[in-house]
C-alpha atoms as a PDB file:
ATOM      1  CA  MET A   1     -46.420  10.095  19.524  1.00  0.00           C
ATOM      2  CA  MET A   2     -44.906  12.891  21.526  1.00  0.00           C
ATOM      3  CA  GLN A   3     -46.011  11.172  24.723  1.00  0.00           C
ATOM      4  CA  LEU A   4     -44.277   7.967  23.640  1.00  0.00           C
ATOM      5  CA  LEU A   5     -41.067   9.849  22.995  1.00  0.00           C
ATOM      6  CA  MET A   6     -41.275  11.599  26.342  1.00  0.00           C
ATOM      7  CA  GLN A   7     -41.965   8.300  28.071  1.00  0.00           C
ATOM      8  CA  ALA A   8     -39.062   6.666  26.243  1.00  0.00           C
ATOM      9  CA  ALA A   9     -36.790   9.497  27.307  1.00  0.00           C
ATOM     10  CA  GLU A  10     -37.792   9.042  30.946  1.00  0.00           C
ATOM     11  CA  THR A  11     -37.406   5.266  30.951  1.00  0.00           C
ATOM     12  CA  ASP A  12     -34.967   2.800  29.484  1.00  0.00           C
ATOM     13  CA  VAL A  13     -37.402   1.543  26.859  1.00  0.00           C
ATOM     14  CA  MET A  14     -35.061   2.749  24.106  1.00  0.00           C
ATOM     15  CA  ASP A  15     -32.314   0.405  25.349  1.00  0.00           C
ATOM     16  CA  GLY A  16     -34.035  -2.633  23.840  1.00  0.00           C
ATOM     17  CA  ILE A  17     -33.979  -1.223  20.300  1.00  0.00           C
ATOM     18  CA  PRO A  18     -31.105  -2.535  18.137  1.00  0.00           C
ATOM     19  CA  TRP A  19     -29.821   0.857  17.008  1.00  0.00           C
ATOM     20  CA  GLY A  20     -26.781  -0.647  15.323  1.00  0.00           C
ATOM     21  CA  GLY A  21     -28.986  -2.761  13.036  1.00  0.00           C
ATOM     22  CA  ILE A  22     -31.246   0.153  12.223  1.00  0.00           C
ATOM     23  CA  ALA A  23     -28.251   2.357  11.421  1.00  0.00           C
ATOM     24  CA  LEU A  24     -26.795  -0.370   9.208  1.00  0.00           C
ATOM     25  CA  VAL A  25     -30.045  -0.781   7.263  1.00  0.00           C
ATOM     26  CA  LEU A  26     -30.444   2.994   6.834  1.00  0.00           C
ATOM     27  CA  THR A  27     -26.847   3.334   5.672  1.00  0.00           C
ATOM     28  CA  ALA A  28     -27.291   0.518   3.159  1.00  0.00           C
ATOM     29  CA  LEU A  29     -30.506   1.991   1.788  1.00  0.00           C
ATOM     30  CA  LEU A  30     -29.152   5.509   1.512  1.00  0.00           C
ATOM     31  CA  GLY A  31     -25.827   4.313   0.116  1.00  0.00           C
ATOM     32  CA  SER A  32     -27.363   2.150  -2.592  1.00  0.00           C
ATOM     33  CA  GLY A  33     -29.699   4.966  -3.577  1.00  0.00           C
ATOM     34  CA  GLY A  34     -26.778   7.373  -3.702  1.00  0.00           C
ATOM     35  CA  ILE A  35     -24.773   5.057  -5.937  1.00  0.00           C
ATOM     36  CA  GLY A  36     -27.771   4.555  -8.196  1.00  0.00           C
ATOM     37  CA  ILE A  37     -28.198   8.286  -8.567  1.00  0.00           C
ATOM     38  CA  PHE A  38     -24.481   8.701  -9.281  1.00  0.00           C
ATOM     39  CA  VAL A  39     -24.505   6.061 -12.001  1.00  0.00           C
ATOM     40  CA  GLN A  40     -27.611   7.500 -13.613  1.00  0.00           C
ATOM     41  CA  LYS A  41     -26.243  11.061 -13.556  1.00  0.00           C
ATOM     42  CA  ARG A  42     -23.234  10.278 -15.760  1.00  0.00           C
ATOM     43  CA  THR A  43     -23.183  13.166 -18.192  1.00  0.00           C
ATOM     44  CA  PRO A  44     -21.065  14.184 -21.161  1.00  0.00           C
ATOM     45  CA  LYS A  45     -19.447  16.786 -18.903  1.00  0.00           C
ATOM     46  CA  PHE A  46     -18.441  14.020 -16.499  1.00  0.00           C
ATOM     47  CA  ASP A  47     -17.011  11.996 -19.401  1.00  0.00           C
ATOM     48  CA  ARG A  48     -15.005  15.011 -20.606  1.00  0.00           C
ATOM     49  CA  GLN A  49     -13.641  15.563 -17.115  1.00  0.00           C
ATOM     50  CA  GLU A  50     -12.685  11.904 -16.831  1.00  0.00           C
ATOM     51  CA  THR A  51     -10.930  12.068 -20.215  1.00  0.00           C
ATOM     52  CA  MET A  52      -9.103  15.206 -19.156  1.00  0.00           C
ATOM     53  CA  LEU A  53      -8.001  13.567 -15.889  1.00  0.00           C
ATOM     54  CA  ASN A  54      -6.676  10.566 -17.827  1.00  0.00           C
ATOM     55  CA  ARG A  55      -4.716  12.902 -20.108  1.00  0.00           C
ATOM     56  CA  TYR A  56      -3.262  14.714 -17.097  1.00  0.00           C
ATOM     57  CA  ASP A  57      -2.328  11.389 -15.493  1.00  0.00           C
ATOM     58  CA  ASN A  58      -0.507  10.335 -18.677  1.00  0.00           C
ATOM     59  CA  ARG A  59       1.252  13.685 -18.884  1.00  0.00           C
ATOM     60  CA  MET A  60       2.250  13.465 -15.229  1.00  0.00           C
ATOM     61  CA  GLU A  61       3.776  10.017 -15.791  1.00  0.00           C
ATOM     62  CA  LYS A  62       5.769  11.327 -18.772  1.00  0.00           C
ATOM     63  CA  LEU A  63       6.991  14.338 -16.787  1.00  0.00           C
ATOM     64  CA  GLU A  64       8.008  12.135 -13.865  1.00  0.00           C
ATOM     65  CA  LYS A  65      10.013   9.942 -16.259  1.00  0.00           C
ATOM     66  CA  ARG A  66      11.713  13.020 -17.719  1.00  0.00           C
ATOM     67  CA  VAL A  67      12.618  14.263 -14.248  1.00  0.00           C
ATOM     68  CA  ASP A  68      14.014  10.848 -13.339  1.00  0.00           C
ATOM     69  CA  ASP A  69      16.085  10.803 -16.543  1.00  0.00           C
ATOM     70  CA  LEU A  70      17.394  14.322 -15.871  1.00  0.00           C
ATOM     71  CA  GLU A  71      18.322  13.394 -12.293  1.00  0.00           C
ATOM     72  CA  ASP A  72      20.224  10.363 -13.602  1.00  0.00           C
ATOM     73  CA  GLU A  73      22.043  12.517 -16.151  1.00  0.00           C
ATOM     74  CA  LEU A  74      22.881  15.083 -13.481  1.00  0.00           C
ATOM     75  CA  ALA A  75      24.387  12.371 -11.273  1.00  0.00           C
ATOM     76  CA  LEU A  76      26.427  11.047 -14.226  1.00  0.00           C
ATOM     77  CA  SER A  77      27.712  14.518 -15.091  1.00  0.00           C
ATOM     78  CA  GLY A  78      28.682  15.095 -11.451  1.00  0.00           C
ATOM     79  CA  HIS A  79      30.706  11.885 -11.445  1.00  0.00           C
ATOM     80  CA  TYR A  80      32.336  12.854 -14.728  1.00  0.00           C
ATOM     81  CA  VAL A  81      33.273  16.291 -13.405  1.00  0.00           C
ATOM     82  CA  ASP A  82      34.828  14.604 -10.376  1.00  0.00           C
ATOM     83  CA  SER A  83      36.873  12.294 -12.610  1.00  0.00           C
ATOM     84  CA  LEU A  84      38.028  15.294 -14.703  1.00  0.00           C
ATOM     85  CA  ARG A  85      39.101  17.147 -11.563  1.00  0.00           C
ATOM     86  CA  GLN A  86      40.998  14.087 -10.355  1.00  0.00           C
ATOM     87  CA  HIS A  87      42.662  13.876 -13.769  1.00  0.00           C
ATOM     88  CA  ILE A  88      43.808  17.510 -13.501  1.00  0.00           C
ATOM     89  CA  ILE A  89      44.850  17.276  -9.832  1.00  0.00           C
ATOM     90  CA  SER A  90      46.918  14.149 -10.453  1.00  0.00           C
ATOM     91  CA  GLY A  91      48.730  15.955 -13.279  1.00  0.00           C
ATOM     92  CA  SER A  92      47.773  13.394 -15.906  1.00  0.00           C
ATOM     93  CA  PRO A  93      48.367  14.469 -19.487  1.00  0.00           C
ATOM     94  CA  PRO A  94      45.646  14.787 -22.109  1.00  0.00           C
ATOM     95  CA  PRO A  95      43.378  13.234 -23.289  1.00  0.00           C
ATOM     96  CA  PRO A  96      40.852  13.495 -20.478  1.00  0.00           C
ATOM     97  CA  PRO A  97      38.848  10.475 -19.347  1.00  0.00           C
ATOM     98  CA  GLU A  98      35.996   9.444 -21.600  1.00  0.00           C
ATOM     99  CA  PRO A  99      32.524  10.566 -20.538  1.00  0.00           C
ATOM    100  CA  PRO A 100      30.318   7.791 -19.167  1.00  0.00           C
ATOM    101  CA  ALA A 101      27.807   6.140 -21.471  1.00  0.00           C
ATOM    102  CA  GLY A 102      24.459   7.893 -21.346  1.00  0.00           C
ATOM    103  CA  LEU A 103      25.896  11.353 -20.741  1.00  0.00           C
ATOM    104  CA  TYR A 104      25.271  14.233 -23.142  1.00  0.00           C
ATOM    105  CA  GLY A 105      22.548  12.460 -25.063  1.00  0.00           C
ATOM    106  CA  ALA A 106      24.641   9.419 -25.952  1.00  0.00           C
ATOM    107  CA  ARG A 107      22.183   6.711 -24.922  1.00  0.00           C
END
């Protein structure tokens, strides 16, 4: 066997071998075996981790919505402060302009 390998190294005998096909077959065999092992190894710990990840995903979505809502409210309050300043600068008498809908919890 060693002599064959040495001979193959010295000559171009190895050029005729379809290495791409062999690599593809080996990858398919190893990959399917790996997936089979993964599916069979599903444990209660894995299920708990998956449940925990789902909970964290849900919590993240809720937090992102809260941040979006707070950013919207901050923009509204900034616009309202600008309108109040304009009201004061222009010397307009009271009452001040009404706050925009959705500001200060009025939704």
